[in-house]
Protein backbone atom coordinates (compact mmCIF):
# COMPACT_ATOMS: atom_id res chain seq x y z
CA MET A 1 0.00 0.00 0.00
CA ALA A 2 1.39 3.39 -0.96
CA ILE A 3 1.17 5.80 1.95
CA LEU A 4 0.63 9.24 0.48
CA THR A 5 -0.32 12.55 2.02
CA GLY A 6 -4.06 12.48 2.58
CA THR A 7 -4.28 8.68 2.91
CA ARG A 8 -6.62 7.68 5.73
CA LEU A 9 -5.96 4.84 8.16
CA GLY A 10 -9.21 4.86 10.08
CA GLN A 11 -9.33 8.12 12.02
CA TYR A 12 -5.73 9.00 11.10
CA GLU A 13 -4.92 11.17 8.08
CA ILE A 14 -1.34 10.97 6.83
CA LEU A 15 0.30 14.41 6.68
CA SER A 16 3.92 13.63 5.77
CA THR A 17 6.74 11.10 5.92
CA LEU A 18 8.99 11.34 8.97
CA GLY A 19 11.46 8.60 8.08
CA ALA A 20 12.13 5.00 7.21
CA GLY A 21 14.38 2.37 8.67
CA GLY A 22 15.24 -1.27 8.26
CA ILE A 23 11.72 -2.66 8.43
CA VAL A 24 9.38 0.27 9.15
CA GLU A 25 8.17 3.55 7.73
CA VAL A 26 7.13 6.39 10.04
CA TYR A 27 4.59 9.08 9.18
CA ARG A 28 3.17 12.19 10.77
CA ALA A 29 -0.61 11.87 10.87
CA HIS A 30 -3.55 13.76 12.29
CA ASP A 31 -6.01 12.03 14.60
CA THR A 32 -9.29 13.44 13.28
CA LYS A 33 -11.27 12.31 16.32
CA LEU A 34 -9.02 13.73 19.03
CA GLY A 35 -7.57 16.64 17.07
CA ARG A 36 -3.90 15.89 17.64
CA ASP A 37 -0.93 14.91 15.52
CA VAL A 38 0.61 11.48 16.05
CA ALA A 39 3.42 9.36 14.66
CA ILE A 40 2.35 6.24 12.78
CA LYS A 41 4.80 3.40 12.29
CA ILE A 42 3.95 0.75 9.69
CA LEU A 43 5.55 -2.18 7.93
CA PRO A 44 6.23 -1.42 4.27
CA GLN A 45 4.20 -3.30 1.66
CA ALA A 46 7.16 -5.62 1.00
CA PHE A 47 6.96 -7.01 4.55
CA ILE A 48 3.23 -7.29 5.33
CA SER A 49 3.04 -10.80 3.90
CA ASP A 50 6.05 -12.02 5.93
CA PRO A 51 4.63 -13.63 9.11
CA GLU A 52 7.97 -13.39 10.92
CA ARG A 53 8.28 -9.63 10.31
CA VAL A 54 4.64 -9.05 11.24
CA ALA A 55 5.13 -11.01 14.49
CA ARG A 56 8.28 -9.02 15.25
CA PHE A 57 6.43 -5.74 14.64
CA GLN A 58 3.58 -6.83 16.93
CA ARG A 59 6.08 -7.81 19.66
CA GLU A 60 7.68 -4.39 19.32
CA ALA A 61 4.25 -2.76 19.71
CA ARG A 62 3.50 -4.75 22.89
CA THR A 63 6.93 -4.00 24.34
CA HIS A 64 6.65 -0.29 23.57
CA ALA A 65 3.16 -0.16 25.09
CA ALA A 66 4.49 -1.72 28.31
CA LEU A 67 7.04 1.07 28.80
CA ASN A 68 6.16 4.06 30.93
CA HIS A 69 8.91 6.66 31.27
CA PRO A 70 9.00 10.45 30.82
CA ASN A 71 11.73 10.10 28.15
CA ILE A 72 9.76 7.61 26.03
CA GLY A 73 6.82 8.72 23.90
CA GLY A 74 3.49 7.07 24.61
CA THR A 75 1.77 4.33 22.65
CA TYR A 76 -1.78 5.20 21.60
CA GLY A 77 -2.74 1.98 19.90
CA LEU A 78 -2.39 -0.58 17.17
CA LYS A 79 -4.53 -0.05 14.07
CA GLU A 80 -5.31 -2.52 11.28
CA ALA A 81 -6.16 -0.86 7.97
CA HIS A 82 -5.75 -1.67 4.27
CA GLY A 83 -4.05 -4.97 5.10
CA ALA A 84 -1.37 -3.27 7.18
CA THR A 85 -0.72 -2.95 10.89
CA ALA A 86 0.05 0.55 12.17
CA LEU A 87 1.52 1.41 15.55
CA VAL A 88 0.13 4.79 16.67
CA LEU A 89 2.58 6.71 18.84
CA GLU A 90 2.92 10.05 20.57
CA LEU A 91 4.53 12.54 18.20
CA VAL A 92 7.60 14.01 19.89
CA GLU A 93 8.78 17.23 18.26
CA GLY A 94 12.37 18.43 18.18
CA PRO A 95 15.76 17.62 16.74
CA THR A 96 16.88 14.03 16.39
CA PHE A 97 19.99 12.60 17.98
CA ALA A 98 21.51 12.53 14.49
CA ASP A 99 20.83 16.28 14.21
CA ARG A 100 22.65 16.86 17.51
CA ILE A 101 25.64 14.76 16.47
CA ALA A 102 25.90 16.68 13.19
CA GLU A 103 26.45 19.87 15.20
CA GLY A 104 29.80 18.52 16.42
CA PRO A 105 31.21 16.72 19.44
CA ILE A 106 28.90 16.38 22.41
CA PRO A 107 30.45 17.56 25.69
CA ILE A 108 31.03 14.68 28.09
CA ASP A 109 28.52 15.99 30.67
CA ASP A 110 25.81 16.15 27.99
CA ALA A 111 26.72 12.69 26.68
CA LEU A 112 26.50 11.22 30.18
CA ALA A 113 23.10 12.83 30.75
CA ILE A 114 21.84 11.36 27.46
CA ALA A 115 23.23 7.93 28.33
CA ARG A 116 21.58 7.97 31.74
């Protein structure tokens, strides 16, 4: 399934692509029922027919949902739509760690705070 701006996954309307990794794609979406933006993580089309990858994604969703920490974004749910499974997450704004590293060396005190 091609995820394009304007695509609807239930109550979520895709606004833009945030990134892609080894086995997932992440999108910014708007929750039309609650009026907030969220992050939606899905398996790409190439992986939705692979039971092992789907099981791994579902394990990740359960593990993420079990975490409760101020430095970890919340899990809002797991949505099935258009033959795909989507993990709906809190959208956390701000620079990425990669952005921070690109600025230059991180002072040791800052690095230790991040590691903790």
